[in-house]
Amino acid sequence: MGAEAAQKPTILLTTFTTGSSVDARWTDVGQSMQKAFARALVKSGKFDVVYNRATAQKARTAFQIEAEVTDFLHTSDAPETVRRLSWFTQANDAIVAMDVTATELQSGRVVFSDQISAVVSAGDDAVDAYGALEFGSYLYWSTPLGEASSEVITESVAKLTNLRGSTPGTVTITEFIDGQREVTLEDGDLLADGGIYYVGSPDTVTGEFVAVDDDLGRPLRIRVEHHFFGQSTGWLLSEPADFETLVGGTLSKAELPTQLSAEYINP
């Protein structure tokens, strides 16, 4: 439990916004999606959630999450050119989509950006499945838009869980043999299977993480592979430079600054 707590990032949630495709009936969808999103993050047990920037900046690892609900409607209300055909009639689907961006507060780098969507069949478009229901009410989650909203939130949280492992300093390289491409990882199970990550090491002067170079002067990258019994290894996508030391290095989803740029920023 102590190790898990130490690796738990802090999430700073900003105000969720809505796009023009959101049905005017659901005026509070941004605020309600934000509340449901925060609840899902907390229930996952993998994050601390705050709304205050000053509090988040005190955390060892913190990410700011921005989100816009871009689509929240039934296709029966959409233009005919984008409706899906079902046999000889046009299908009525509930569509929810959300743009999610995560920025690492310490570095200001964008480490995740994606549009996450879900489509649920809504049946007869002549039937009002919502009545006087409000977004987030108990019965709302059983409606087509409610099910689509739940799917988007669940998938978003699942994708964000990869951030906790891909933050520099969390996963480290414990073994590497010159001339081979395989490296041994500690806590590699925190990373996405098949994910590509940058290799970094702490700068000897500033202590900040900088990129490890390959033999062509590019940032060295690794592909993670999960195995049975929770073990994970990394496969180098190029040869490390002769002057670089890999053991003790760390992995990052976002590209790390080079040694030269780090010296320029911190003279």
C-alpha atoms as a PDB file:
ATOM      1  CA  MET A   1       0.000   0.000   0.000  1.00  0.00           C
ATOM      2  CA  GLY A   2       2.898   2.362   0.737  1.00  0.00           C
ATOM      3  CA  ALA A   3       4.454   1.778  -2.701  1.00  0.00           C
ATOM      4  CA  GLU A   4       1.080   2.205  -4.380  1.00  0.00           C
ATOM      5  CA  ALA A   5       0.485   5.503  -2.586  1.00  0.00           C
ATOM      6  CA  ALA A   6       3.923   6.778  -3.534  1.00  0.00           C
ATOM      7  CA  GLN A   7       3.229   6.128  -7.218  1.00  0.00           C
ATOM      8  CA  LYS A   8      -0.256   7.655  -7.206  1.00  0.00           C
ATOM      9  CA  PRO A   9      -0.307  10.829  -9.353  1.00  0.00           C
ATOM     10  CA  THR A  10      -2.460  13.837  -8.596  1.00  0.00           C
ATOM     11  CA  ILE A  11      -5.042  14.865 -11.196  1.00  0.00           C
ATOM     12  CA  LEU A  12      -5.993  18.540 -11.472  1.00  0.00           C
ATOM     13  CA  LEU A  13      -9.422  18.704 -13.114  1.00  0.00           C
ATOM     14  CA  THR A  14     -10.239  21.903 -14.985  1.00  0.00           C
ATOM     15  CA  THR A  15     -13.782  22.907 -15.923  1.00  0.00           C
ATOM     16  CA  PHE A  16     -15.137  20.630 -18.643  1.00  0.00           C
ATOM     17  CA  THR A  17     -16.524  22.516 -21.653  1.00  0.00           C
ATOM     18  CA  THR A  18     -19.096  21.554 -24.297  1.00  0.00           C
ATOM     19  CA  GLY A  19     -19.099  21.848 -28.074  1.00  0.00           C
ATOM     20  CA  SER A  20     -21.814  23.010 -30.441  1.00  0.00           C
ATOM     21  CA  SER A  21     -22.944  19.419 -31.137  1.00  0.00           C
ATOM     22  CA  VAL A  22     -24.264  19.000 -27.601  1.00  0.00           C
ATOM     23  CA  ASP A  23     -28.058  19.001 -27.502  1.00  0.00           C
ATOM     24  CA  ALA A  24     -29.280  22.257 -25.952  1.00  0.00           C
ATOM     25  CA  ARG A  25     -31.510  20.181 -23.683  1.00  0.00           C
ATOM     26  CA  TRP A  26     -28.447  19.063 -21.702  1.00  0.00           C
ATOM     27  CA  THR A  27     -27.124  22.457 -20.609  1.00  0.00           C
ATOM     28  CA  ASP A  28     -25.206  21.064 -17.632  1.00  0.00           C
ATOM     29  CA  VAL A  29     -23.499  18.185 -19.452  1.00  0.00           C
ATOM     30  CA  GLY A  30     -19.974  19.603 -19.035  1.00  0.00           C
ATOM     31  CA  GLN A  31     -20.270  20.070 -15.281  1.00  0.00           C
ATOM     32  CA  SER A  32     -22.005  16.723 -14.837  1.00  0.00           C
ATOM     33  CA  MET A  33     -19.451  14.822 -16.941  1.00  0.00           C
ATOM     34  CA  GLN A  34     -16.684  16.416 -14.877  1.00  0.00           C
ATOM     35  CA  LYS A  35     -18.301  15.257 -11.643  1.00  0.00           C
ATOM     36  CA  ALA A  36     -18.777  11.704 -12.959  1.00  0.00           C
ATOM     37  CA  PHE A  37     -15.206  11.710 -14.319  1.00  0.00           C
ATOM     38  CA  ALA A  38     -13.808  12.729 -10.931  1.00  0.00           C
ATOM     39  CA  ARG A  39     -15.810  10.003  -9.212  1.00  0.00           C
ATOM     40  CA  ALA A  40     -14.467   7.383 -11.641  1.00  0.00           C
ATOM     41  CA  LEU A  41     -10.875   8.559 -11.122  1.00  0.00           C
ATOM     42  CA  VAL A  42     -11.200   8.263  -7.355  1.00  0.00           C
ATOM     43  CA  LYS A  43     -12.923   4.853  -7.531  1.00  0.00           C
ATOM     44  CA  SER A  44     -10.064   3.526  -9.676  1.00  0.00           C
ATOM     45  CA  GLY A  45      -7.772   3.946  -6.668  1.00  0.00           C
ATOM     46  CA  LYS A  46      -4.940   5.096  -8.928  1.00  0.00           C
ATOM     47  CA  PHE A  47      -5.229   8.878  -8.574  1.00  0.00           C
ATOM     48  CA  ASP A  48      -5.692  11.707  -6.128  1.00  0.00           C
ATOM     49  CA  VAL A  49      -8.110  14.302  -7.540  1.00  0.00           C
ATOM     50  CA  VAL A  50      -7.973  18.025  -6.781  1.00  0.00           C
ATOM     51  CA  TYR A  51      -9.470  21.206  -8.241  1.00  0.00           C
ATOM     52  CA  ASN A  52      -6.866  23.619  -6.864  1.00  0.00           C
ATOM     53  CA  ARG A  53      -3.729  24.247  -8.939  1.00  0.00           C
ATOM     54  CA  ALA A  54      -1.578  25.221  -5.961  1.00  0.00           C
ATOM     55  CA  THR A  55      -2.401  21.912  -4.266  1.00  0.00           C
ATOM     56  CA  ALA A  56      -1.582  19.940  -7.410  1.00  0.00           C
ATOM     57  CA  GLN A  57       1.787  21.657  -7.840  1.00  0.00           C
ATOM     58  CA  LYS A  58       2.882  20.380  -4.422  1.00  0.00           C
ATOM     59  CA  ALA A  59       2.501  16.776  -5.600  1.00  0.00           C
ATOM     60  CA  ARG A  60       5.469  14.718  -6.750  1.00  0.00           C
ATOM     61  CA  THR A  61       3.619  13.854  -9.970  1.00  0.00           C
ATOM     62  CA  ALA A  62       0.621  15.849 -11.194  1.00  0.00           C
ATOM     63  CA  PHE A  63      -1.346  16.124 -14.414  1.00  0.00           C
ATOM     64  CA  GLN A  64      -3.827  18.761 -15.498  1.00  0.00           C
ATOM     65  CA  ILE A  65      -6.814  17.283 -17.326  1.00  0.00           C
ATOM     66  CA  GLU A  66      -8.782  19.379 -19.803  1.00  0.00           C
ATOM     67  CA  ALA A  67     -11.847  17.994 -21.546  1.00  0.00           C
ATOM     68  CA  GLU A  68     -14.476  19.117 -24.020  1.00  0.00           C
ATOM     69  CA  VAL A  69     -17.659  17.151 -24.628  1.00  0.00           C
ATOM     70  CA  THR A  70     -17.780  17.441 -28.418  1.00  0.00           C
ATOM     71  CA  ASP A  71     -20.784  15.208 -29.145  1.00  0.00           C
ATOM     72  CA  PHE A  72     -23.804  14.395 -27.007  1.00  0.00           C
ATOM     73  CA  LEU A  73     -26.852  13.573 -29.095  1.00  0.00           C
ATOM     74  CA  HIS A  74     -28.966  11.023 -30.924  1.00  0.00           C
ATOM     75  CA  THR A  75     -28.208  10.509 -34.596  1.00  0.00           C
ATOM     76  CA  SER A  76     -31.900  11.043 -35.310  1.00  0.00           C
ATOM     77  CA  ASP A  77     -31.184  14.695 -34.466  1.00  0.00           C
ATOM     78  CA  ALA A  78     -28.071  14.839 -36.675  1.00  0.00           C
ATOM     79  CA  PRO A  79     -27.911  15.755 -40.387  1.00  0.00           C
ATOM     80  CA  GLU A  80     -29.024  12.917 -42.671  1.00  0.00           C
ATOM     81  CA  THR A  81     -25.590  12.698 -44.331  1.00  0.00           C
ATOM     82  CA  VAL A  82     -23.968  11.363 -41.140  1.00  0.00           C
ATOM     83  CA  ARG A  83     -26.670   8.953 -40.023  1.00  0.00           C
ATOM     84  CA  ARG A  84     -25.967   5.212 -40.040  1.00  0.00           C
ATOM     85  CA  LEU A  85     -28.264   2.970 -42.075  1.00  0.00           C
ATOM     86  CA  SER A  86     -29.886  -0.017 -40.351  1.00  0.00           C
ATOM     87  CA  TRP A  87     -31.433  -2.361 -42.920  1.00  0.00           C
ATOM     88  CA  PHE A  88     -33.845  -0.101 -44.823  1.00  0.00           C
ATOM     89  CA  THR A  89     -34.158   2.621 -42.208  1.00  0.00           C
ATOM     90  CA  GLN A  90     -31.783   5.056 -40.586  1.00  0.00           C
ATOM     91  CA  ALA A  91     -30.496   3.863 -37.222  1.00  0.00           C
ATOM     92  CA  ASN A  92     -31.025   5.936 -34.109  1.00  0.00           C
ATOM     93  CA  ASP A  93     -27.835   5.857 -32.039  1.00  0.00           C
ATOM     94  CA  ALA A  94     -26.792   7.720 -28.930  1.00  0.00           C
ATOM     95  CA  ILE A  95     -23.334   9.236 -29.441  1.00  0.00           C
ATOM     96  CA  VAL A  96     -21.083  10.703 -26.772  1.00  0.00           C
ATOM     97  CA  ALA A  97     -17.554  11.923 -27.561  1.00  0.00           C
ATOM     98  CA  MET A  98     -15.043  13.836 -25.501  1.00  0.00           C
ATOM     99  CA  ASP A  99     -11.656  15.410 -26.260  1.00  0.00           C
ATOM    100  CA  VAL A 100      -9.276  14.737 -23.356  1.00  0.00           C
ATOM    101  CA  THR A 101      -5.849  16.329 -22.906  1.00  0.00           C
ATOM    102  CA  ALA A 102      -3.403  15.691 -20.057  1.00  0.00           C
ATOM    103  CA  THR A 103      -0.505  18.046 -19.346  1.00  0.00           C
ATOM    104  CA  GLU A 104       2.287  17.282 -16.904  1.00  0.00           C
ATOM    105  CA  LEU A 105       2.300  20.242 -14.518  1.00  0.00           C
ATOM    106  CA  GLN A 106       5.997  20.043 -13.630  1.00  0.00           C
ATOM    107  CA  SER A 107       7.219  20.272 -17.233  1.00  0.00           C
ATOM    108  CA  GLY A 108       4.214  21.732 -19.057  1.00  0.00           C
ATOM    109  CA  ARG A 109       4.378  18.950 -21.650  1.00  0.00           C
ATOM    110  CA  VAL A 110       1.266  17.447 -23.192  1.00  0.00           C
ATOM    111  CA  VAL A 111       1.535  13.720 -22.429  1.00  0.00           C
ATOM    112  CA  PHE A 112      -1.890  12.546 -23.619  1.00  0.00           C
ATOM    113  CA  SER A 113      -4.422  13.848 -26.134  1.00  0.00           C
ATOM    114  CA  ASP A 114      -7.261  11.851 -27.648  1.00  0.00           C
ATOM    115  CA  GLN A 115     -10.920  11.959 -28.611  1.00  0.00           C
ATOM    116  CA  ILE A 116     -12.800   9.162 -26.890  1.00  0.00           C
ATOM    117  CA  SER A 117     -16.253   8.197 -28.108  1.00  0.00           C
ATOM    118  CA  ALA A 118     -19.006   5.644 -27.615  1.00  0.00           C
ATOM    119  CA  VAL A 119     -22.075   4.697 -29.650  1.00  0.00           C
ATOM    120  CA  VAL A 120     -25.112   2.925 -28.161  1.00  0.00           C
ATOM    121  CA  SER A 121     -28.232   1.926 -30.064  1.00  0.00           C
ATOM    122  CA  ALA A 122     -31.181   4.045 -28.958  1.00  0.00           C
ATOM    123  CA  GLY A 123     -34.005   2.111 -30.612  1.00  0.00           C
ATOM    124  CA  ASP A 124     -37.109   3.883 -31.897  1.00  0.00           C
ATOM    125  CA  ASP A 125     -36.401   7.581 -32.350  1.00  0.00           C
ATOM    126  CA  ALA A 126     -40.067   8.301 -31.669  1.00  0.00           C
ATOM    127  CA  VAL A 127     -39.743   7.123 -28.068  1.00  0.00           C
ATOM    128  CA  ASP A 128     -38.524   9.626 -25.462  1.00  0.00           C
ATOM    129  CA  ALA A 129     -36.190   7.588 -23.236  1.00  0.00           C
ATOM    130  CA  TYR A 130     -35.398  10.498 -20.907  1.00  0.00           C
ATOM    131  CA  GLY A 131     -38.596  12.247 -19.852  1.00  0.00           C
ATOM    132  CA  ALA A 132     -37.725  14.512 -16.946  1.00  0.00           C
ATOM    133  CA  LEU A 133     -34.461  12.701 -16.125  1.00  0.00           C
ATOM    134  CA  GLU A 134     -31.458  14.843 -15.286  1.00  0.00           C
ATOM    135  CA  PHE A 135     -27.907  13.987 -16.322  1.00  0.00           C
ATOM    136  CA  GLY A 136     -26.269  11.837 -13.655  1.00  0.00           C
ATOM    137  CA  SER A 137     -29.454  10.766 -11.915  1.00  0.00           C
ATOM    138  CA  TYR A 138     -29.661   7.090 -10.957  1.00  0.00           C
ATOM    139  CA  LEU A 139     -31.994   6.134 -13.825  1.00  0.00           C
ATOM    140  CA  TYR A 140     -30.125   8.280 -16.352  1.00  0.00           C
ATOM    141  CA  TRP A 141     -27.213   5.817 -16.542  1.00  0.00           C
ATOM    142  CA  SER A 142     -29.577   3.151 -17.946  1.00  0.00           C
ATOM    143  CA  THR A 143     -30.574   5.332 -20.915  1.00  0.00           C
ATOM    144  CA  PRO A 144     -28.717   5.219 -24.265  1.00  0.00           C
ATOM    145  CA  LEU A 145     -26.905   8.517 -23.639  1.00  0.00           C
ATOM    146  CA  GLY A 146     -26.187   7.407 -20.086  1.00  0.00           C
ATOM    147  CA  GLU A 147     -24.609   4.138 -21.240  1.00  0.00           C
ATOM    148  CA  ALA A 148     -22.527   5.976 -23.864  1.00  0.00           C
ATOM    149  CA  SER A 149     -21.408   8.519 -21.260  1.00  0.00           C
ATOM    150  CA  SER A 150     -20.359   5.730 -18.909  1.00  0.00           C
ATOM    151  CA  GLU A 151     -18.350   4.018 -21.665  1.00  0.00           C
ATOM    152  CA  VAL A 152     -16.499   7.241 -22.515  1.00  0.00           C
ATOM    153  CA  ILE A 153     -15.645   7.921 -18.880  1.00  0.00           C
ATOM    154  CA  THR A 154     -14.506   4.328 -18.244  1.00  0.00           C
ATOM    155  CA  GLU A 155     -12.266   4.284 -21.334  1.00  0.00           C
ATOM    156  CA  SER A 156     -10.831   7.724 -20.516  1.00  0.00           C
ATOM    157  CA  VAL A 157      -9.856   6.654 -17.001  1.00  0.00           C
ATOM    158  CA  ALA A 158      -8.332   3.415 -18.325  1.00  0.00           C
ATOM    159  CA  LYS A 159      -6.146   5.356 -20.760  1.00  0.00           C
ATOM    160  CA  LEU A 160      -5.077   7.840 -18.119  1.00  0.00           C
ATOM    161  CA  THR A 161      -3.905   5.065 -15.792  1.00  0.00           C
ATOM    162  CA  ASN A 162      -0.947   4.574 -18.129  1.00  0.00           C
ATOM    163  CA  LEU A 163       0.289   8.034 -17.113  1.00  0.00           C
ATOM    164  CA  ARG A 164       1.212   6.887 -13.642  1.00  0.00           C
ATOM    165  CA  GLY A 165       3.830   4.518 -14.986  1.00  0.00           C
ATOM    166  CA  SER A 166       5.086   6.674 -17.833  1.00  0.00           C
ATOM    167  CA  THR A 167       6.144   9.539 -15.571  1.00  0.00           C
ATOM    168  CA  PRO A 168       9.961   9.829 -15.348  1.00  0.00           C
ATOM    169  CA  GLY A 169      11.319   8.252 -12.169  1.00  0.00           C
ATOM    170  CA  THR A 170       8.608   5.605 -11.758  1.00  0.00           C
ATOM    171  CA  VAL A 171       9.789   2.765 -14.017  1.00  0.00           C
ATOM    172  CA  THR A 172      13.536   2.115 -14.175  1.00  0.00           C
ATOM    173  CA  ILE A 173      15.943  -0.049 -16.162  1.00  0.00           C
ATOM    174  CA  THR A 174      17.668  -2.546 -13.858  1.00  0.00           C
ATOM    175  CA  GLU A 175      19.677  -4.658 -16.312  1.00  0.00           C
ATOM    176  CA  PHE A 176      21.241  -4.188 -19.749  1.00  0.00           C
ATOM    177  CA  ILE A 177      23.960  -6.131 -21.590  1.00  0.00           C
ATOM    178  CA  ASP A 178      26.006  -4.332 -24.257  1.00  0.00           C
ATOM    179  CA  GLY A 179      25.182  -5.505 -27.748  1.00  0.00           C
ATOM    180  CA  GLN A 180      21.666  -6.679 -26.874  1.00  0.00           C
ATOM    181  CA  ARG A 181      18.336  -4.983 -27.386  1.00  0.00           C
ATOM    182  CA  GLU A 182      16.502  -6.371 -24.347  1.00  0.00           C
ATOM    183  CA  VAL A 183      16.500  -4.559 -21.001  1.00  0.00           C
ATOM    184  CA  THR A 184      14.983  -5.556 -17.656  1.00  0.00           C
ATOM    185  CA  LEU A 185      12.429  -3.167 -16.161  1.00  0.00           C
ATOM    186  CA  GLU A 186      11.373  -2.582 -12.582  1.00  0.00           C
ATOM    187  CA  ASP A 187       7.624  -1.832 -12.256  1.00  0.00           C
ATOM    188  CA  GLY A 188       7.236  -2.245 -16.029  1.00  0.00           C
ATOM    189  CA  ASP A 189       3.734  -3.629 -15.458  1.00  0.00           C
ATOM    190  CA  LEU A 190       2.643  -0.030 -14.867  1.00  0.00           C
ATOM    191  CA  LEU A 191       3.219   0.697 -18.566  1.00  0.00           C
ATOM    192  CA  ALA A 192       1.039  -0.192 -21.549  1.00  0.00           C
ATOM    193  CA  ASP A 193       1.851  -3.502 -23.226  1.00  0.00           C
ATOM    194  CA  GLY A 194       3.370  -2.662 -26.617  1.00  0.00           C
ATOM    195  CA  GLY A 195       3.728   1.014 -25.685  1.00  0.00           C
ATOM    196  CA  ILE A 196       6.660   3.089 -26.954  1.00  0.00           C
ATOM    197  CA  TYR A 197       8.542   5.128 -24.328  1.00  0.00           C
ATOM    198  CA  TYR A 198      11.533   7.451 -24.204  1.00  0.00           C
ATOM    199  CA  VAL A 199      14.579   6.579 -22.107  1.00  0.00           C
ATOM    200  CA  GLY A 200      15.939   9.231 -19.758  1.00  0.00           C
ATOM    201  CA  SER A 201      18.364   9.733 -16.895  1.00  0.00           C
ATOM    202  CA  PRO A 202      18.770  12.451 -14.231  1.00  0.00           C
ATOM    203  CA  ASP A 203      21.030  15.339 -15.162  1.00  0.00           C
ATOM    204  CA  THR A 204      24.109  15.337 -12.920  1.00  0.00           C
ATOM    205  CA  VAL A 205      23.822  19.088 -12.273  1.00  0.00           C
ATOM    206  CA  THR A 206      20.106  19.903 -12.112  1.00  0.00           C
ATOM    207  CA  GLY A 207      18.709  16.466 -11.207  1.00  0.00           C
ATOM    208  CA  GLU A 208      16.047  16.850 -13.921  1.00  0.00           C
ATOM    209  CA  PHE A 209      15.439  13.995 -16.332  1.00  0.00           C
ATOM    210  CA  VAL A 210      17.004  14.374 -19.793  1.00  0.00           C
ATOM    211  CA  ALA A 211      16.937  12.136 -22.853  1.00  0.00           C
ATOM    212  CA  VAL A 212      19.387   9.290 -23.358  1.00  0.00           C
ATOM    213  CA  ASP A 213      20.864   9.444 -26.888  1.00  0.00           C
ATOM    214  CA  ASP A 214      21.089   6.608 -29.375  1.00  0.00           C
ATOM    215  CA  ASP A 215      24.106   6.115 -31.643  1.00  0.00           C
ATOM    216  CA  LEU A 216      22.684   8.597 -34.186  1.00  0.00           C
ATOM    217  CA  GLY A 217      22.091  11.345 -31.634  1.00  0.00           C
ATOM    218  CA  ARG A 218      18.337  10.819 -31.415  1.00  0.00           C
ATOM    219  CA  PRO A 219      16.343  10.265 -28.200  1.00  0.00           C
ATOM    220  CA  LEU A 220      16.504   6.551 -27.392  1.00  0.00           C
ATOM    221  CA  ARG A 221      13.146   4.747 -27.300  1.00  0.00           C
ATOM    222  CA  ILE A 222      11.926   1.424 -25.930  1.00  0.00           C
ATOM    223  CA  ARG A 223       8.958  -0.834 -26.692  1.00  0.00           C
ATOM    224  CA  VAL A 224       7.485  -2.492 -23.587  1.00  0.00           C
ATOM    225  CA  GLU A 225       6.437  -6.144 -23.626  1.00  0.00           C
ATOM    226  CA  HIS A 226       4.440  -7.774 -20.811  1.00  0.00           C
ATOM    227  CA  HIS A 227       4.963 -11.413 -19.837  1.00  0.00           C
ATOM    228  CA  PHE A 228       3.279 -13.895 -17.518  1.00  0.00           C
ATOM    229  CA  PHE A 229       3.532 -13.515 -13.730  1.00  0.00           C
ATOM    230  CA  GLY A 230       3.670  -9.705 -13.956  1.00  0.00           C
ATOM    231  CA  GLN A 231       7.116  -9.458 -15.533  1.00  0.00           C
ATOM    232  CA  SER A 232       7.905  -6.906 -18.231  1.00  0.00           C
ATOM    233  CA  THR A 233      10.872  -6.231 -20.460  1.00  0.00           C
ATOM    234  CA  GLY A 234      11.843  -3.437 -22.812  1.00  0.00           C
ATOM    235  CA  TRP A 235      13.205  -3.705 -26.352  1.00  0.00           C
ATOM    236  CA  LEU A 236      15.477  -0.931 -27.587  1.00  0.00           C
ATOM    237  CA  LEU A 237      14.363   0.491 -30.920  1.00  0.00           C
ATOM    238  CA  SER A 238      17.930   1.620 -31.721  1.00  0.00           C
ATOM    239  CA  GLU A 239      21.457   1.264 -30.329  1.00  0.00           C
ATOM    240  CA  PRO A 240      22.387   3.485 -27.355  1.00  0.00           C
ATOM    241  CA  ALA A 241      25.330   5.844 -27.778  1.00  0.00           C
ATOM    242  CA  ASP A 242      28.626   4.478 -26.451  1.00  0.00           C
ATOM    243  CA  PHE A 243      28.842   7.158 -23.762  1.00  0.00           C
ATOM    244  CA  GLU A 244      25.351   6.480 -22.343  1.00  0.00           C
ATOM    245  CA  THR A 245      24.577   4.307 -19.296  1.00  0.00           C
ATOM    246  CA  LEU A 246      21.199   2.573 -19.387  1.00  0.00           C
ATOM    247  CA  VAL A 247      21.073   0.844 -15.996  1.00  0.00           C
ATOM    248  CA  GLY A 248      19.307   3.214 -13.631  1.00  0.00           C
ATOM    249  CA  GLY A 249      17.602   5.014 -16.496  1.00  0.00           C
ATOM    250  CA  THR A 250      13.874   5.714 -16.469  1.00  0.00           C
ATOM    251  CA  LEU A 251      11.031   5.720 -18.991  1.00  0.00           C
ATOM    252  CA  SER A 252       8.736   8.538 -20.071  1.00  0.00           C
ATOM    253  CA  LYS A 253       5.755   8.693 -22.422  1.00  0.00           C
ATOM    254  CA  ALA A 254       6.573  12.281 -23.349  1.00  0.00           C
ATOM    255  CA  GLU A 255       9.828  13.108 -25.110  1.00  0.00           C
ATOM    256  CA  LEU A 256      12.441  14.377 -22.653  1.00  0.00           C
ATOM    257  CA  PRO A 257      14.665  17.415 -23.240  1.00  0.00           C
ATOM    258  CA  THR A 258      18.148  16.725 -24.578  1.00  0.00           C
ATOM    259  CA  GLN A 259      21.239  17.330 -22.473  1.00  0.00           C
ATOM    260  CA  LEU A 260      22.024  20.463 -24.500  1.00  0.00           C
ATOM    261  CA  SER A 261      18.539  21.979 -24.175  1.00  0.00           C
ATOM    262  CA  ALA A 262      18.483  21.212 -20.435  1.00  0.00           C
ATOM    263  CA  GLU A 263      21.757  23.106 -19.987  1.00  0.00           C
ATOM    264  CA  TYR A 264      20.331  26.019 -21.975  1.00  0.00           C
ATOM    265  CA  ILE A 265      17.196  26.190 -19.816  1.00  0.00           C
ATOM    266  CA  ASN A 266      19.149  25.749 -16.547  1.00  0.00           C
ATOM    267  CA  PRO A 267      22.521  27.478 -17.157  1.00  0.00           C
END
